[in-house]
Amino acid sequence: MPEVPNRLKSRTAENHSTSDIASTMIDVMFRHAFLLAASAVADAPKAAVLVILAAVDGARS
């Protein structure tokens, strides 16, 4: 049976392009980004109410 060339072996090998430390940092950044996005979505209705109240108050003036 012929030997498999190295260029074909690398396609099936595990990806080691990112070190464990960098991978951990990326995970932390993604978690922080998702929490920040969730917080922004949760605060959006409150901000909309303030804008509407300000517009109504300005219309009455």
N, C-alpha and C. Protein backbone atom coordinates (compact mmCIF):
# COMPACT_ATOMS: atom_id res chain seq x y z
N MET A 1 0.85 -1.18 0.00
CA MET A 1 0.00 0.00 0.00
C MET A 1 0.89 1.24 0.00
N PRO A 2 0.60 2.24 -0.88
CA PRO A 2 1.46 3.43 -0.95
C PRO A 2 1.30 4.33 0.28
N GLU A 3 2.36 5.04 0.60
CA GLU A 3 2.34 5.94 1.75
C GLU A 3 1.56 7.21 1.40
N VAL A 4 0.82 7.73 2.36
CA VAL A 4 0.03 8.95 2.15
C VAL A 4 0.96 10.16 2.24
N PRO A 5 0.89 11.05 1.23
CA PRO A 5 1.76 12.24 1.25
C PRO A 5 1.43 13.15 2.45
N ASN A 6 2.43 13.87 2.93
CA ASN A 6 2.26 14.77 4.08
C ASN A 6 1.19 15.84 3.83
N ARG A 7 1.09 16.34 2.62
CA ARG A 7 0.11 17.39 2.33
C ARG A 7 -1.31 16.89 2.52
N LEU A 8 -1.55 15.60 2.36
CA LEU A 8 -2.88 15.03 2.59
C LEU A 8 -3.10 14.71 4.07
N LYS A 9 -2.04 14.36 4.77
CA LYS A 9 -2.16 14.08 6.20
C LYS A 9 -2.57 15.33 6.97
N SER A 10 -2.04 16.47 6.59
CA SER A 10 -2.32 17.70 7.32
C SER A 10 -3.79 18.12 7.22
N ARG A 11 -4.47 17.70 6.18
CA ARG A 11 -5.89 18.06 6.03
C ARG A 11 -6.76 17.37 7.07
N THR A 12 -6.34 16.22 7.52
CA THR A 12 -7.13 15.47 8.49
C THR A 12 -6.62 15.64 9.91
N ALA A 13 -5.47 16.31 10.07
CA ALA A 13 -4.89 16.49 11.40
C ALA A 13 -5.64 17.58 12.15
N GLU A 14 -5.52 17.55 13.46
CA GLU A 14 -6.14 18.56 14.30
C GLU A 14 -5.46 19.90 14.06
N ASN A 15 -6.26 20.98 14.12
CA ASN A 15 -5.73 22.32 13.90
C ASN A 15 -5.02 22.81 15.15
N HIS A 16 -3.74 23.16 15.01
CA HIS A 16 -2.96 23.68 16.14
C HIS A 16 -2.49 25.11 15.85
N SER A 17 -3.25 25.85 15.04
CA SER A 17 -2.81 27.19 14.65
C SER A 17 -2.99 28.19 15.78
N THR A 18 -3.86 27.92 16.75
CA THR A 18 -4.08 28.83 17.87
C THR A 18 -3.62 28.14 19.14
N SER A 19 -2.77 28.82 19.90
CA SER A 19 -2.28 28.22 21.14
C SER A 19 -3.40 28.14 22.17
N ASP A 20 -3.20 27.36 23.19
CA ASP A 20 -4.21 27.20 24.25
C ASP A 20 -4.48 28.51 24.96
N ILE A 21 -3.44 29.30 25.19
CA ILE A 21 -3.61 30.58 25.89
C ILE A 21 -4.42 31.54 25.03
N ALA A 22 -4.09 31.64 23.75
CA ALA A 22 -4.83 32.52 22.84
C ALA A 22 -6.27 32.05 22.71
N SER A 23 -6.46 30.76 22.65
CA SER A 23 -7.81 30.21 22.54
C SER A 23 -8.64 30.57 23.77
N THR A 24 -8.03 30.49 24.93
CA THR A 24 -8.72 30.85 26.18
C THR A 24 -9.07 32.32 26.18
N MET A 25 -8.17 33.16 25.71
CA MET A 25 -8.43 34.60 25.65
C MET A 25 -9.58 34.90 24.70
N ILE A 26 -9.63 34.22 23.57
CA ILE A 26 -10.70 34.40 22.61
C ILE A 26 -12.03 33.98 23.22
N ASP A 27 -12.04 32.87 23.95
CA ASP A 27 -13.26 32.41 24.62
C ASP A 27 -13.77 33.46 25.59
N VAL A 28 -12.87 34.03 26.38
CA VAL A 28 -13.26 35.05 27.36
C VAL A 28 -13.82 36.28 26.65
N MET A 29 -13.18 36.69 25.55
CA MET A 29 -13.65 37.86 24.81
C MET A 29 -15.05 37.63 24.23
N PHE A 30 -15.28 36.43 23.69
CA PHE A 30 -16.60 36.13 23.14
C PHE A 30 -17.66 36.12 24.23
N ARG A 31 -17.34 35.53 25.39
CA ARG A 31 -18.31 35.52 26.49
C ARG A 31 -18.64 36.94 26.91
N HIS A 32 -17.62 37.80 27.02
CA HIS A 32 -17.83 39.19 27.41
C HIS A 32 -18.68 39.91 26.35
N ALA A 33 -18.40 39.66 25.09
CA ALA A 33 -19.16 40.31 24.01
C ALA A 33 -20.62 39.88 24.03
N PHE A 34 -20.89 38.59 24.26
CA PHE A 34 -22.27 38.12 24.30
C PHE A 34 -23.00 38.69 25.51
N LEU A 35 -22.34 38.78 26.66
CA LEU A 35 -22.98 39.39 27.83
C LEU A 35 -23.28 40.86 27.58
N LEU A 36 -22.36 41.55 26.94
CA LEU A 36 -22.55 42.96 26.64
C LEU A 36 -23.71 43.15 25.67
N ALA A 37 -23.79 42.29 24.65
CA ALA A 37 -24.90 42.37 23.69
C ALA A 37 -26.23 42.08 24.37
N ALA A 38 -26.26 41.09 25.25
CA ALA A 38 -27.49 40.77 25.96
C ALA A 38 -27.91 41.93 26.84
N SER A 39 -26.97 42.58 27.47
CA SER A 39 -27.27 43.74 28.31
C SER A 39 -27.82 44.89 27.47
N ALA A 40 -27.25 45.11 26.30
CA ALA A 40 -27.74 46.17 25.42
C ALA A 40 -29.15 45.89 24.95
N VAL A 41 -29.45 44.65 24.63
CA VAL A 41 -30.80 44.28 24.20
C VAL A 41 -31.78 44.46 25.35
N ALA A 42 -31.36 44.12 26.56
CA ALA A 42 -32.24 44.27 27.72
C ALA A 42 -32.49 45.75 28.03
N ASP A 43 -31.51 46.61 27.79
CA ASP A 43 -31.66 48.03 28.09
C ASP A 43 -32.35 48.81 26.98
N ALA A 44 -32.47 48.25 25.79
CA ALA A 44 -33.04 48.97 24.65
C ALA A 44 -34.48 49.44 24.92
N PRO A 45 -35.37 48.59 25.46
CA PRO A 45 -36.73 49.07 25.72
C PRO A 45 -36.78 50.23 26.72
N LYS A 46 -35.90 50.19 27.72
CA LYS A 46 -35.85 51.29 28.70
C LYS A 46 -35.44 52.59 28.01
N ALA A 47 -34.47 52.51 27.14
CA ALA A 47 -34.02 53.70 26.42
C ALA A 47 -35.12 54.22 25.50
N ALA A 48 -35.86 53.32 24.88
CA ALA A 48 -36.95 53.74 23.99
C ALA A 48 -38.03 54.46 24.77
N VAL A 49 -38.35 53.99 25.97
CA VAL A 49 -39.36 54.64 26.80
C VAL A 49 -38.90 56.05 27.17
N LEU A 50 -37.63 56.21 27.51
CA LEU A 50 -37.12 57.54 27.85
C LEU A 50 -37.20 58.48 26.67
N VAL A 51 -36.91 58.00 25.47
CA VAL A 51 -36.98 58.84 24.28
C VAL A 51 -38.43 59.25 24.01
N ILE A 52 -39.35 58.30 24.14
CA ILE A 52 -40.77 58.61 23.91
C ILE A 52 -41.27 59.61 24.95
N LEU A 53 -40.90 59.41 26.21
CA LEU A 53 -41.32 60.34 27.26
C LEU A 53 -40.76 61.74 27.01
N ALA A 54 -39.52 61.81 26.57
CA ALA A 54 -38.92 63.10 26.26
C ALA A 54 -39.62 63.76 25.09
N ALA A 55 -40.00 62.98 24.09
CA ALA A 55 -40.70 63.53 22.93
C ALA A 55 -42.09 64.03 23.33
N VAL A 56 -42.78 63.28 24.16
CA VAL A 56 -44.11 63.70 24.62
C VAL A 56 -43.99 64.96 25.46
N ASP A 57 -43.00 64.99 26.33
CA ASP A 57 -42.79 66.16 27.18
C ASP A 57 -42.45 67.38 26.33
N GLY A 58 -41.64 67.19 25.30
CA GLY A 58 -41.31 68.30 24.41
C GLY A 58 -42.51 68.76 23.60
N ALA A 59 -43.39 67.85 23.23
CA ALA A 59 -44.59 68.23 22.47
C ALA A 59 -45.56 69.01 23.32
N ARG A 60 -45.60 68.73 24.61
CA ARG A 60 -46.51 69.45 25.50
C ARG A 60 -46.00 70.84 25.81
N SER A 61 -44.72 71.09 25.67
CA SER A 61 -44.13 72.39 26.03
C SER A 61 -44.46 73.45 25.02
